[in-house]
């Protein structure tokens, strides 16, 4: 599961259409790009390999992170007793409840794509 979250090619296999210029390391910056939605700036804030990944990303396409409206996404992986992994996703920094609700629906869809991807990987 870690590769699907932290590796640019792994991430692009289920989330954006493309990952541009982003290295799998703390401090890296780049873009998540969707053909239908545009390019969103992203920066890796924290990475503990195999366990925790935190990124900050722009809320609007084609806007820089600095000085813009962005949110923080935290992924935590925990081994499940008896096998498997628990994935915890928390996104914070929303300015409005409407923005938060938009992303809740988006994450429900995207996490379904992650499950499908992992089932076939």
PDB file of N, CA and C in Angstrom:
ATOM      1  N   UNK A   1       0.820  -1.193   0.000  1.00  0.00           N
ATOM      2  CA  UNK A   1       0.000   0.000   0.000  1.00  0.00           C
ATOM      3  C   UNK A   1       0.867   1.261   0.000  1.00  0.00           C
ATOM      4  N   UNK A   2       2.030   1.197   0.664  1.00  0.00           N
ATOM      5  CA  UNK A   2       2.885   2.376   0.768  1.00  0.00           C
ATOM      6  C   UNK A   2       3.254   2.912  -0.607  1.00  0.00           C
ATOM      7  N   UNK A   3       3.605   2.039  -1.528  1.00  0.00           N
ATOM      8  CA  UNK A   3       4.001   2.466  -2.877  1.00  0.00           C
ATOM      9  C   UNK A   3       2.860   3.215  -3.548  1.00  0.00           C
ATOM     10  N   UNK A   4       1.633   2.781  -3.350  1.00  0.00           N
ATOM     11  CA  UNK A   4       0.474   3.443  -3.960  1.00  0.00           C
ATOM     12  C   UNK A   4       0.248   4.844  -3.403  1.00  0.00           C
ATOM     13  N   UNK A   5       0.795   5.139  -2.231  1.00  0.00           N
ATOM     14  CA  UNK A   5       0.647   6.458  -1.622  1.00  0.00           C
ATOM     15  C   UNK A   5       1.851   7.360  -1.851  1.00  0.00           C
ATOM     16  N   UNK A   6       3.049   6.809  -1.715  1.00  0.00           N
ATOM     17  CA  UNK A   6       4.254   7.635  -1.656  1.00  0.00           C
ATOM     18  C   UNK A   6       5.065   7.689  -2.944  1.00  0.00           C
ATOM     19  N   UNK A   7       4.969   6.679  -3.774  1.00  0.00           N
ATOM     20  CA  UNK A   7       5.723   6.654  -5.022  1.00  0.00           C
ATOM     21  C   UNK A   7       4.922   7.382  -6.109  1.00  0.00           C
ATOM     22  N   UNK A   8       5.533   8.319  -6.829  1.00  0.00           N
ATOM     23  CA  UNK A   8       4.780   9.069  -7.852  1.00  0.00           C
ATOM     24  C   UNK A   8       4.059   8.177  -8.859  1.00  0.00           C
ATOM     25  N   UNK A   9       4.721   7.123  -9.359  1.00  0.00           N
ATOM     26  CA  UNK A   9       4.053   6.227 -10.306  1.00  0.00           C
ATOM     27  C   UNK A   9       2.932   5.446  -9.629  1.00  0.00           C
ATOM     28  N   UNK A  10       3.162   5.027  -8.387  1.00  0.00           N
ATOM     29  CA  UNK A  10       2.128   4.313  -7.647  1.00  0.00           C
ATOM     30  C   UNK A  10       0.914   5.184  -7.395  1.00  0.00           C
ATOM     31  N   UNK A  11       1.147   6.434  -7.020  1.00  0.00           N
ATOM     32  CA  UNK A  11       0.052   7.377  -6.779  1.00  0.00           C
ATOM     33  C   UNK A  11      -0.737   7.637  -8.058  1.00  0.00           C
ATOM     34  N   UNK A  12      -0.013   7.814  -9.162  1.00  0.00           N
ATOM     35  CA  UNK A  12      -0.668   8.102 -10.448  1.00  0.00           C
ATOM     36  C   UNK A  12      -1.459   6.902 -10.975  1.00  0.00           C
ATOM     37  N   UNK A  13      -1.235   5.736 -10.420  1.00  0.00           N
ATOM     38  CA  UNK A  13      -1.961   4.561 -10.881  1.00  0.00           C
ATOM     39  C   UNK A  13      -3.403   4.514 -10.383  1.00  0.00           C
ATOM     40  N   UNK A  14      -3.748   5.403  -9.413  1.00  0.00           N
ATOM     41  CA  UNK A  14      -5.129   5.382  -8.912  1.00  0.00           C
ATOM     42  C   UNK A  14      -5.684   6.766  -8.590  1.00  0.00           C
ATOM     43  N   UNK A  15      -4.853   7.774  -8.369  1.00  0.00           N
ATOM     44  CA  UNK A  15      -5.370   9.061  -7.888  1.00  0.00           C
ATOM     45  C   UNK A  15      -5.376  10.125  -8.982  1.00  0.00           C
ATOM     46  N   UNK A  16      -4.281  10.806  -9.275  1.00  0.00           N
ATOM     47  CA  UNK A  16      -4.320  11.758 -10.389  1.00  0.00           C
ATOM     48  C   UNK A  16      -4.037  11.022 -11.693  1.00  0.00           C
ATOM     49  N   UNK A  17      -4.251  11.728 -12.803  1.00  0.00           N
ATOM     50  CA  UNK A  17      -3.860  11.154 -14.091  1.00  0.00           C
ATOM     51  C   UNK A  17      -2.344  11.117 -14.229  1.00  0.00           C
ATOM     52  N   UNK A  18      -1.680  12.132 -13.643  1.00  0.00           N
ATOM     53  CA  UNK A  18      -0.222  12.224 -13.700  1.00  0.00           C
ATOM     54  C   UNK A  18       0.309  12.869 -12.430  1.00  0.00           C
ATOM     55  N   UNK A  19       1.530  12.497 -12.062  1.00  0.00           N
ATOM     56  CA  UNK A  19       2.283  13.181 -11.006  1.00  0.00           C
ATOM     57  C   UNK A  19       3.472  13.811 -11.704  1.00  0.00           C
ATOM     58  N   UNK A  20       3.617  15.129 -11.546  1.00  0.00           N
ATOM     59  CA  UNK A  20       4.664  15.855 -12.260  1.00  0.00           C
ATOM     60  C   UNK A  20       5.690  16.417 -11.283  1.00  0.00           C
ATOM     61  N   UNK A  21       6.951  16.014 -11.459  1.00  0.00           N
ATOM     62  CA  UNK A  21       8.070  16.598 -10.727  1.00  0.00           C
ATOM     63  C   UNK A  21       8.159  16.285  -9.252  1.00  0.00           C
ATOM     64  N   UNK A  22       7.383  15.368  -8.754  1.00  0.00           N
ATOM     65  CA  UNK A  22       7.364  15.068  -7.313  1.00  0.00           C
ATOM     66  C   UNK A  22       8.231  13.849  -7.022  1.00  0.00           C
ATOM     67  N   UNK A  23       9.180  14.001  -6.122  1.00  0.00           N
ATOM     68  CA  UNK A  23      10.018  12.883  -5.683  1.00  0.00           C
ATOM     69  C   UNK A  23       9.438  12.319  -4.387  1.00  0.00           C
ATOM     70  N   UNK A  24       9.652  11.028  -4.143  1.00  0.00           N
ATOM     71  CA  UNK A  24       9.126  10.424  -2.910  1.00  0.00           C
ATOM     72  C   UNK A  24      10.029  10.697  -1.711  1.00  0.00           C
ATOM     73  N   UNK A  25      10.092  11.979  -1.312  1.00  0.00           N
ATOM     74  CA  UNK A  25      10.933  12.358  -0.182  1.00  0.00           C
ATOM     75  C   UNK A  25      10.409  13.623   0.477  1.00  0.00           C
ATOM     76  N   UNK A  26      10.701  13.745   1.740  1.00  0.00           N
ATOM     77  CA  UNK A  26      10.302  14.922   2.509  1.00  0.00           C
ATOM     78  C   UNK A  26      10.872  16.190   1.871  1.00  0.00           C
ATOM     79  N   UNK A  27      10.045  17.226   1.769  1.00  0.00           N
ATOM     80  CA  UNK A  27      10.470  18.491   1.191  1.00  0.00           C
ATOM     81  C   UNK A  27      10.261  18.594  -0.312  1.00  0.00           C
ATOM     82  N   UNK A  28       9.931  17.494  -0.964  1.00  0.00           N
ATOM     83  CA  UNK A  28       9.728  17.497  -2.413  1.00  0.00           C
ATOM     84  C   UNK A  28       8.468  18.275  -2.779  1.00  0.00           C
ATOM     85  N   UNK A  29       8.489  18.898  -3.938  1.00  0.00           N
ATOM     86  CA  UNK A  29       7.329  19.618  -4.454  1.00  0.00           C
ATOM     87  C   UNK A  29       7.059  19.166  -5.885  1.00  0.00           C
ATOM     88  N   UNK A  30       5.843  19.371  -6.323  1.00  0.00           N
ATOM     89  CA  UNK A  30       5.467  19.005  -7.682  1.00  0.00           C
ATOM     90  C   UNK A  30       4.003  19.301  -7.913  1.00  0.00           C
ATOM     91  N   UNK A  31       3.410  18.532  -8.815  1.00  0.00           N
ATOM     92  CA  UNK A  31       2.019  18.752  -9.210  1.00  0.00           C
ATOM     93  C   UNK A  31       1.281  17.423  -9.324  1.00  0.00           C
ATOM     94  N   UNK A  32       0.029  17.416  -8.892  1.00  0.00           N
ATOM     95  CA  UNK A  32      -0.890  16.326  -9.198  1.00  0.00           C
ATOM     96  C   UNK A  32      -1.769  16.852 -10.324  1.00  0.00           C
ATOM     97  N   UNK A  33      -1.858  16.111 -11.429  1.00  0.00           N
ATOM     98  CA  UNK A  33      -2.558  16.616 -12.605  1.00  0.00           C
ATOM     99  C   UNK A  33      -3.678  15.674 -13.034  1.00  0.00           C
ATOM    100  N   UNK A  34      -4.834  16.278 -13.275  1.00  0.00           N
ATOM    101  CA  UNK A  34      -5.994  15.571 -13.806  1.00  0.00           C
ATOM    102  C   UNK A  34      -6.389  16.239 -15.122  1.00  0.00           C
ATOM    103  N   UNK A  35      -6.655  15.446 -16.129  1.00  0.00           N
ATOM    104  CA  UNK A  35      -7.063  16.006 -17.415  1.00  0.00           C
ATOM    105  C   UNK A  35      -8.341  16.834 -17.284  1.00  0.00           C
ATOM    106  N   UNK A  36      -9.263  16.412 -16.430  1.00  0.00           N
ATOM    107  CA  UNK A  36     -10.553  17.111 -16.271  1.00  0.00           C
ATOM    108  C   UNK A  36     -10.540  18.231 -15.236  1.00  0.00           C
ATOM    109  N   UNK A  37      -9.562  18.223 -14.329  1.00  0.00           N
ATOM    110  CA  UNK A  37      -9.608  19.172 -13.212  1.00  0.00           C
ATOM    111  C   UNK A  37      -8.445  20.154 -13.151  1.00  0.00           C
ATOM    112  N   UNK A  38      -7.362  19.888 -13.858  1.00  0.00           N
ATOM    113  CA  UNK A  38      -6.201  20.766 -13.836  1.00  0.00           C
ATOM    114  C   UNK A  38      -5.075  20.225 -12.984  1.00  0.00           C
ATOM    115  N   UNK A  39      -4.078  21.081 -12.772  1.00  0.00           N
ATOM    116  CA  UNK A  39      -2.869  20.724 -12.012  1.00  0.00           C
ATOM    117  C   UNK A  39      -2.903  21.385 -10.639  1.00  0.00           C
ATOM    118  N   UNK A  40      -2.597  20.596  -9.609  1.00  0.00           N
ATOM    119  CA  UNK A  40      -2.632  21.088  -8.235  1.00  0.00           C
ATOM    120  C   UNK A  40      -1.245  20.955  -7.613  1.00  0.00           C
ATOM    121  N   UNK A  41      -0.722  22.055  -7.098  1.00  0.00           N
ATOM    122  CA  UNK A  41       0.589  22.055  -6.450  1.00  0.00           C
ATOM    123  C   UNK A  41       0.545  21.189  -5.193  1.00  0.00           C
ATOM    124  N   UNK A  42       1.666  20.505  -4.931  1.00  0.00           N
ATOM    125  CA  UNK A  42       1.762  19.617  -3.770  1.00  0.00           C
ATOM    126  C   UNK A  42       3.175  19.699  -3.200  1.00  0.00           C
ATOM    127  N   UNK A  43       3.270  19.564  -1.878  1.00  0.00           N
ATOM    128  CA  UNK A  43       4.571  19.500  -1.199  1.00  0.00           C
ATOM    129  C   UNK A  43       4.510  18.416  -0.134  1.00  0.00           C
ATOM    130  N   UNK A  44       5.520  17.570  -0.101  1.00  0.00           N
ATOM    131  CA  UNK A  44       5.611  16.527   0.924  1.00  0.00           C
ATOM    132  C   UNK A  44       6.166  17.172   2.189  1.00  0.00           C
ATOM    133  N   UNK A  45       5.361  17.204   3.234  1.00  0.00           N
ATOM    134  CA  UNK A  45       5.739  17.844   4.497  1.00  0.00           C
ATOM    135  C   UNK A  45       6.453  16.887   5.448  1.00  0.00           C
ATOM    136  N   UNK A  46       6.058  15.628   5.448  1.00  0.00           N
ATOM    137  CA  UNK A  46       6.604  14.658   6.389  1.00  0.00           C
ATOM    138  C   UNK A  46       6.477  13.279   5.766  1.00  0.00           C
ATOM    139  N   UNK A  47       7.502  12.460   5.952  1.00  0.00           N
ATOM    140  CA  UNK A  47       7.441  11.097   5.455  1.00  0.00           C
ATOM    141  C   UNK A  47       8.199  10.183   6.407  1.00  0.00           C
ATOM    142  N   UNK A  48       7.499   9.191   6.895  1.00  0.00           N
ATOM    143  CA  UNK A  48       8.098   8.116   7.685  1.00  0.00           C
ATOM    144  C   UNK A  48       7.805   6.848   6.892  1.00  0.00           C
ATOM    145  N   UNK A  49       8.785   6.394   6.140  1.00  0.00           N
ATOM    146  CA  UNK A  49       8.600   5.333   5.153  1.00  0.00           C
ATOM    147  C   UNK A  49       7.812   4.151   5.702  1.00  0.00           C
ATOM    148  N   UNK A  50       6.796   3.785   4.942  1.00  0.00           N
ATOM    149  CA  UNK A  50       5.969   2.640   5.287  1.00  0.00           C
ATOM    150  C   UNK A  50       4.932   2.886   6.357  1.00  0.00           C
ATOM    151  N   UNK A  51       4.941   4.078   6.945  1.00  0.00           N
ATOM    152  CA  UNK A  51       4.030   4.335   8.066  1.00  0.00           C
ATOM    153  C   UNK A  51       3.223   5.613   7.941  1.00  0.00           C
ATOM    154  N   UNK A  52       3.853   6.731   7.615  1.00  0.00           N
ATOM    155  CA  UNK A  52       3.136   8.013   7.657  1.00  0.00           C
ATOM    156  C   UNK A  52       3.622   8.939   6.547  1.00  0.00           C
ATOM    157  N   UNK A  53       2.660   9.578   5.901  1.00  0.00           N
ATOM    158  CA  UNK A  53       2.939  10.526   4.830  1.00  0.00           C
ATOM    159  C   UNK A  53       2.029  11.728   5.028  1.00  0.00           C
ATOM    160  N   UNK A  54       2.616  12.918   4.973  1.00  0.00           N
ATOM    161  CA  UNK A  54       1.833  14.154   5.108  1.00  0.00           C
ATOM    162  C   UNK A  54       2.191  15.047   3.936  1.00  0.00           C
ATOM    163  N   UNK A  55       1.160  15.487   3.218  1.00  0.00           N
ATOM    164  CA  UNK A  55       1.411  16.445   2.150  1.00  0.00           C
ATOM    165  C   UNK A  55       0.482  17.626   2.282  1.00  0.00           C
ATOM    166  N   UNK A  56       0.887  18.731   1.711  1.00  0.00           N
ATOM    167  CA  UNK A  56       0.066  19.943   1.618  1.00  0.00           C
ATOM    168  C   UNK A  56      -0.191  20.143   0.143  1.00  0.00           C
ATOM    169  N   UNK A  57      -1.455  20.475  -0.194  1.00  0.00           N
ATOM    170  CA  UNK A  57      -1.760  20.687  -1.602  1.00  0.00           C
ATOM    171  C   UNK A  57      -2.724  21.837  -1.794  1.00  0.00           C
ATOM    172  N   UNK A  58      -2.656  22.433  -2.975  1.00  0.00           N
ATOM    173  CA  UNK A  58      -3.473  23.602  -3.303  1.00  0.00           C
ATOM    174  C   UNK A  58      -4.931  23.199  -3.497  1.00  0.00           C
ATOM    175  N   UNK A  59      -5.822  24.091  -3.084  1.00  0.00           N
ATOM    176  CA  UNK A  59      -7.260  23.856  -3.271  1.00  0.00           C
ATOM    177  C   UNK A  59      -7.735  24.282  -4.664  1.00  0.00           C
ATOM    178  N   UNK A  60      -6.952  25.103  -5.343  1.00  0.00           N
ATOM    179  CA  UNK A  60      -7.343  25.576  -6.670  1.00  0.00           C
ATOM    180  C   UNK A  60      -6.271  25.174  -7.674  1.00  0.00           C
ATOM    181  N   UNK A  61      -6.690  24.860  -8.912  1.00  0.00           N
ATOM    182  CA  UNK A  61      -5.710  24.450  -9.912  1.00  0.00           C
ATOM    183  C   UNK A  61      -4.780  25.586 -10.323  1.00  0.00           C
ATOM    184  N   UNK A  62      -3.572  25.177 -10.686  1.00  0.00           N
ATOM    185  CA  UNK A  62      -2.564  26.086 -11.239  1.00  0.00           C
ATOM    186  C   UNK A  62      -2.250  27.273 -10.341  1.00  0.00           C
ATOM    187  N   UNK A  63      -2.291  27.046  -9.029  1.00  0.00           N
ATOM    188  CA  UNK A  63      -1.926  28.095  -8.083  1.00  0.00           C
ATOM    189  C   UNK A  63      -0.790  27.577  -7.196  1.00  0.00           C
ATOM    190  N   UNK A  64       0.141  28.444  -6.828  1.00  0.00           N
ATOM    191  CA  UNK A  64       1.238  28.003  -5.958  1.00  0.00           C
ATOM    192  C   UNK A  64       0.730  27.738  -4.540  1.00  0.00           C
ATOM    193  N   UNK A  65       1.483  26.940  -3.813  1.00  0.00           N
ATOM    194  CA  UNK A  65       1.126  26.663  -2.421  1.00  0.00           C
ATOM    195  C   UNK A  65       1.311  27.883  -1.539  1.00  0.00           C
ATOM    196  N   UNK A  66       2.418  28.569  -1.714  1.00  0.00           N
ATOM    197  CA  UNK A  66       2.713  29.716  -0.856  1.00  0.00           C
ATOM    198  C   UNK A  66       1.748  30.857  -1.141  1.00  0.00           C
ATOM    199  N   UNK A  67       1.090  31.288  -0.095  1.00  0.00           N
ATOM    200  CA  UNK A  67       0.153  32.402  -0.207  1.00  0.00           C
ATOM    201  C   UNK A  67      -1.214  32.020  -0.736  1.00  0.00           C
ATOM    202  N   UNK A  68      -1.391  30.754  -1.090  1.00  0.00           N
ATOM    203  CA  UNK A  68      -2.685  30.303  -1.605  1.00  0.00           C
ATOM    204  C   UNK A  68      -3.444  29.502  -0.558  1.00  0.00           C
ATOM    205  N   UNK A  69      -4.640  29.109  -0.928  1.00  0.00           N
ATOM    206  CA  UNK A  69      -5.488  28.297  -0.071  1.00  0.00           C
ATOM    207  C   UNK A  69      -5.098  26.841  -0.287  1.00  0.00           C
ATOM    208  N   UNK A  70      -4.620  26.176   0.765  1.00  0.00           N
ATOM    209  CA  UNK A  70      -4.271  24.770   0.647  1.00  0.00           C
ATOM    210  C   UNK A  70      -4.674  24.027   1.911  1.00  0.00           C
ATOM    211  N   UNK A  71      -4.696  22.712   1.782  1.00  0.00           N
ATOM    212  CA  UNK A  71      -5.034  21.853   2.910  1.00  0.00           C
ATOM    213  C   UNK A  71      -3.912  20.841   3.107  1.00  0.00           C
ATOM    214  N   UNK A  72      -3.946  20.181   4.253  1.00  0.00           N
ATOM    215  CA  UNK A  72      -2.946  19.174   4.594  1.00  0.00           C
ATOM    216  C   UNK A  72      -3.619  17.809   4.648  1.00  0.00           C
ATOM    217  N   UNK A  73      -2.995  16.842   4.000  1.00  0.00           N
ATOM    218  CA  UNK A  73      -3.502  15.471   3.962  1.00  0.00           C
ATOM    219  C   UNK A  73      -2.502  14.583   4.687  1.00  0.00           C
ATOM    220  N   UNK A  74      -2.989  13.844   5.677  1.00  0.00           N
ATOM    221  CA  UNK A  74      -2.137  12.942   6.449  1.00  0.00           C
ATOM    222  C   UNK A  74      -2.625  11.511   6.271  1.00  0.00           C
ATOM    223  N   UNK A  75      -1.712  10.663   5.819  1.00  0.00           N
ATOM    224  CA  UNK A  75      -1.966   9.234   5.639  1.00  0.00           C
ATOM    225  C   UNK A  75      -1.180   8.482   6.712  1.00  0.00           C
ATOM    226  N   UNK A  76      -1.841   7.599   7.431  1.00  0.00           N
ATOM    227  CA  UNK A  76      -1.161   6.774   8.427  1.00  0.00           C
ATOM    228  C   UNK A  76      -1.513   5.315   8.165  1.00  0.00           C
ATOM    229  N   UNK A  77      -0.492   4.471   8.100  1.00  0.00           N
ATOM    230  CA  UNK A  77      -0.680   3.036   7.908  1.00  0.00           C
ATOM    231  C   UNK A  77      -0.317   2.314   9.198  1.00  0.00           C
ATOM    232  N   UNK A  78      -1.180   1.408   9.620  1.00  0.00           N
ATOM    233  CA  UNK A  78      -0.947   0.619  10.821  1.00  0.00           C
ATOM    234  C   UNK A  78      -1.195  -0.846  10.492  1.00  0.00           C
ATOM    235  N   UNK A  79      -0.241  -1.690  10.861  1.00  0.00           N
ATOM    236  CA  UNK A  79      -0.437  -3.122  10.636  1.00  0.00           C
ATOM    237  C   UNK A  79      -1.604  -3.613  11.483  1.00  0.00           C
ATOM    238  N   UNK A  80      -2.417  -4.432  10.862  1.00  0.00           N
ATOM    239  CA  UNK A  80      -3.576  -5.002  11.550  1.00  0.00           C
ATOM    240  C   UNK A  80      -3.178  -6.361  12.132  1.00  0.00           C
ATOM    241  N   UNK A  81      -3.580  -6.574  13.377  1.00  0.00           N
ATOM    242  CA  UNK A  81      -3.316  -7.869  14.003  1.00  0.00           C
ATOM    243  C   UNK A  81      -3.986  -8.951  13.171  1.00  0.00           C
ATOM    244  N   UNK A  82      -3.250  -9.980  12.832  1.00  0.00           N
ATOM    245  CA  UNK A  82      -3.796 -11.057  12.024  1.00  0.00           C
ATOM    246  C   UNK A  82      -3.601 -10.834  10.532  1.00  0.00           C
ATOM    247  N   UNK A  83      -2.981  -9.717  10.162  1.00  0.00           N
ATOM    248  CA  UNK A  83      -2.701  -9.449   8.753  1.00  0.00           C
ATOM    249  C   UNK A  83      -3.483  -8.272   8.214  1.00  0.00           C
ATOM    250  N   UNK A  84      -2.949  -7.667   7.203  1.00  0.00           N
ATOM    251  CA  UNK A  84      -3.590  -6.523   6.573  1.00  0.00           C
ATOM    252  C   UNK A  84      -3.090  -5.207   7.146  1.00  0.00           C
ATOM    253  N   UNK A  85      -3.632  -4.129   6.635  1.00  0.00           N
ATOM    254  CA  UNK A  85      -3.219  -2.779   7.019  1.00  0.00           C
ATOM    255  C   UNK A  85      -4.434  -1.895   7.206  1.00  0.00           C
ATOM    256  N   UNK A  86      -4.389  -1.072   8.226  1.00  0.00           N
ATOM    257  CA  UNK A  86      -5.416  -0.057   8.449  1.00  0.00           C
ATOM    258  C   UNK A  86      -4.878   1.249   7.887  1.00  0.00           C
ATOM    259  N   UNK A  87      -5.664   1.901   7.031  1.00  0.00           N
ATOM    260  CA  UNK A  87      -5.308   3.192   6.456  1.00  0.00           C
ATOM    261  C   UNK A  87      -6.170   4.265   7.114  1.00  0.00           C
ATOM    262  N   UNK A  88      -5.511   5.274   7.655  1.00  0.00           N
ATOM    263  CA  UNK A  88      -6.229   6.412   8.236  1.00  0.00           C
ATOM    264  C   UNK A  88      -5.871   7.640   7.404  1.00  0.00           C
ATOM    265  N   UNK A  89      -6.881   8.354   6.938  1.00  0.00           N
ATOM    266  CA  UNK A  89      -6.712   9.553   6.126  1.00  0.00           C
ATOM    267  C   UNK A  89      -7.390  10.713   6.837  1.00  0.00           C
ATOM    268  N   UNK A  90      -6.629  11.797   7.055  1.00  0.00           N
ATOM    269  CA  UNK A  90      -7.184  13.008   7.663  1.00  0.00           C
ATOM    270  C   UNK A  90      -6.757  14.186   6.803  1.00  0.00           C
ATOM    271  N   UNK A  91      -7.726  14.979   6.361  1.00  0.00           N
ATOM    272  CA  UNK A  91      -7.423  16.208   5.640  1.00  0.00           C
ATOM    273  C   UNK A  91      -7.899  17.377   6.494  1.00  0.00           C
ATOM    274  N   UNK A  92      -7.049  18.376   6.658  1.00  0.00           N
ATOM    275  CA  UNK A  92      -7.373  19.513   7.519  1.00  0.00           C
ATOM    276  C   UNK A  92      -7.000  20.827   6.836  1.00  0.00           C
ATOM    277  N   UNK A  93      -7.522  21.921   7.404  1.00  0.00           N
ATOM    278  CA  UNK A  93      -7.194  23.248   6.904  1.00  0.00           C
ATOM    279  C   UNK A  93      -8.271  23.866   6.039  1.00  0.00           C
ATOM    280  N   UNK A  94      -9.449  23.280   6.028  1.00  0.00           N
ATOM    281  CA  UNK A  94     -10.536  23.824   5.209  1.00  0.00           C
ATOM    282  C   UNK A  94     -11.030  25.146   5.773  1.00  0.00           C
ATOM    283  N   UNK A  95     -11.354  26.056   4.895  1.00  0.00           N
ATOM    284  CA  UNK A  95     -11.886  27.353   5.313  1.00  0.00           C
ATOM    285  C   UNK A  95     -13.390  27.325   5.512  1.00  0.00           C
ATOM    286  N   UNK A  96     -14.066  26.432   4.799  1.00  0.00           N
ATOM    287  CA  UNK A  96     -15.526  26.362   4.924  1.00  0.00           C
ATOM    288  C   UNK A  96     -15.974  24.913   5.051  1.00  0.00           C
ATOM    289  N   UNK A  97     -17.126  24.719   5.634  1.00  0.00           N
ATOM    290  CA  UNK A  97     -17.718  23.387   5.743  1.00  0.00           C
ATOM    291  C   UNK A  97     -18.047  22.840   4.352  1.00  0.00           C
ATOM    292  N   UNK A  98     -18.440  23.698   3.446  1.00  0.00           N
ATOM    293  CA  UNK A  98     -18.732  23.278   2.073  1.00  0.00           C
ATOM    294  C   UNK A  98     -17.487  22.700   1.397  1.00  0.00           C
ATOM    295  N   UNK A  99     -16.341  23.346   1.586  1.00  0.00           N
ATOM    296  CA  UNK A  99     -15.093  22.827   1.027  1.00  0.00           C
ATOM    297  C   UNK A  99     -14.775  21.452   1.608  1.00  0.00           C
ATOM    298  N   UNK A 100     -14.961  21.313   2.908  1.00  0.00           N
ATOM    299  CA  UNK A 100     -14.689  20.035   3.560  1.00  0.00           C
ATOM    300  C   UNK A 100     -15.606  18.947   3.012  1.00  0.00           C
ATOM    301  N   UNK A 101     -16.876  19.258   2.881  1.00  0.00           N
ATOM    302  CA  UNK A 101     -17.838  18.281   2.372  1.00  0.00           C
ATOM    303  C   UNK A 101     -17.527  17.873   0.933  1.00  0.00           C
ATOM    304  N   UNK A 102     -17.088  18.822   0.116  1.00  0.00           N
ATOM    305  CA  UNK A 102     -16.692  18.497  -1.261  1.00  0.00           C
ATOM    306  C   UNK A 102     -15.589  17.447  -1.258  1.00  0.00           C
ATOM    307  N   UNK A 103     -14.624  17.612  -0.378  1.00  0.00           N
ATOM    308  CA  UNK A 103     -13.515  16.667  -0.338  1.00  0.00           C
ATOM    309  C   UNK A 103     -13.899  15.334   0.287  1.00  0.00           C
ATOM    310  N   UNK A 104     -14.839  15.327   1.217  1.00  0.00           N
ATOM    311  CA  UNK A 104     -15.299  14.060   1.781  1.00  0.00           C
ATOM    312  C   UNK A 104     -15.842  13.185   0.659  1.00  0.00           C
ATOM    313  N   UNK A 105     -16.688  13.738  -0.172  1.00  0.00           N
ATOM    314  CA  UNK A 105     -17.223  12.983  -1.303  1.00  0.00           C
ATOM    315  C   UNK A 105     -16.136  12.571  -2.273  1.00  0.00           C
ATOM    316  N   UNK A 106     -15.205  13.469  -2.520  1.00  0.00           N
ATOM    317  CA  UNK A 106     -14.103  13.148  -3.415  1.00  0.00           C
ATOM    318  C   UNK A 106     -13.248  12.010  -2.888  1.00  0.00           C
ATOM    319  N   UNK A 107     -12.932  12.054  -1.589  1.00  0.00           N
ATOM    320  CA  UNK A 107     -12.115  10.989  -1.011  1.00  0.00           C
ATOM    321  C   UNK A 107     -12.844   9.649  -1.002  1.00  0.00           C
ATOM    322  N   UNK A 108     -14.146   9.661  -0.801  1.00  0.00           N
ATOM    323  CA  UNK A 108     -14.892   8.397  -0.847  1.00  0.00           C
ATOM    324  C   UNK A 108     -14.707   7.738  -2.212  1.00  0.00           C
ATOM    325  N   UNK A 109     -14.807   8.535  -3.258  1.00  0.00           N
ATOM    326  CA  UNK A 109     -14.614   8.016  -4.614  1.00  0.00           C
ATOM    327  C   UNK A 109     -13.174   7.554  -4.822  1.00  0.00           C
ATOM    328  N   UNK A 110     -12.220   8.406  -4.475  1.00  0.00           N
ATOM    329  CA  UNK A 110     -10.807   8.095  -4.711  1.00  0.00           C
ATOM    330  C   UNK A 110     -10.341   6.890  -3.905  1.00  0.00           C
ATOM    331  N   UNK A 111     -10.788   6.766  -2.669  1.00  0.00           N
ATOM    332  CA  UNK A 111     -10.380   5.615  -1.866  1.00  0.00           C
ATOM    333  C   UNK A 111     -10.957   4.316  -2.428  1.00  0.00           C
ATOM    334  N   UNK A 112     -12.125   4.404  -3.047  1.00  0.00           N
ATOM    335  CA  UNK A 112     -12.661   3.251  -3.769  1.00  0.00           C
ATOM    336  C   UNK A 112     -11.743   2.846  -4.911  1.00  0.00           C
ATOM    337  N   UNK A 113     -11.189   3.838  -5.600  1.00  0.00           N
ATOM    338  CA  UNK A 113     -10.230   3.551  -6.670  1.00  0.00           C
ATOM    339  C   UNK A 113      -8.943   2.942  -6.117  1.00  0.00           C
ATOM    340  N   UNK A 114      -8.526   3.395  -4.935  1.00  0.00           N
ATOM    341  CA  UNK A 114      -7.344   2.800  -4.295  1.00  0.00           C
ATOM    342  C   UNK A 114      -7.602   1.336  -3.971  1.00  0.00           C
ATOM    343  N   UNK A 115      -8.754   1.034  -3.413  1.00  0.00           N
ATOM    344  CA  UNK A 115      -9.097  -0.352  -3.085  1.00  0.00           C
ATOM    345  C   UNK A 115      -9.077  -1.209  -4.346  1.00  0.00           C
ATOM    346  N   UNK A 116      -9.685  -0.709  -5.423  1.00  0.00           N
ATOM    347  CA  UNK A 116      -9.688  -1.452  -6.695  1.00  0.00           C
ATOM    348  C   UNK A 116      -8.267  -1.658  -7.199  1.00  0.00           C
ATOM    349  N   UNK A 117      -7.458  -0.612  -7.124  1.00  0.00           N
ATOM    350  CA  UNK A 117      -6.066  -0.706  -7.579  1.00  0.00           C
ATOM    351  C   UNK A 117      -5.303  -1.758  -6.777  1.00  0.00           C
ATOM    352  N   UNK A 118      -5.444  -1.730  -5.461  1.00  0.00           N
ATOM    353  CA  UNK A 118      -4.705  -2.668  -4.611  1.00  0.00           C
ATOM    354  C   UNK A 118      -5.170  -4.110  -4.839  1.00  0.00           C
ATOM    355  N   UNK A 119      -6.438  -4.285  -5.170  1.00  0.00           N
ATOM    356  CA  UNK A 119      -6.967  -5.618  -5.409  1.00  0.00           C
ATOM    357  C   UNK A 119      -6.392  -6.246  -6.690  1.00  0.00           C
ATOM    358  N   UNK A 120      -5.969  -5.407  -7.624  1.00  0.00           N
ATOM    359  CA  UNK A 120      -5.438  -5.913  -8.891  1.00  0.00           C
ATOM    360  C   UNK A 120      -3.920  -5.820  -8.987  1.00  0.00           C
ATOM    361  N   UNK A 121      -3.304  -5.180  -7.996  1.00  0.00           N
ATOM    362  CA  UNK A 121      -1.833  -4.975  -8.053  1.00  0.00           C
ATOM    363  C   UNK A 121      -1.083  -6.236  -7.694  1.00  0.00           C
TER     364      UNK A 121
END
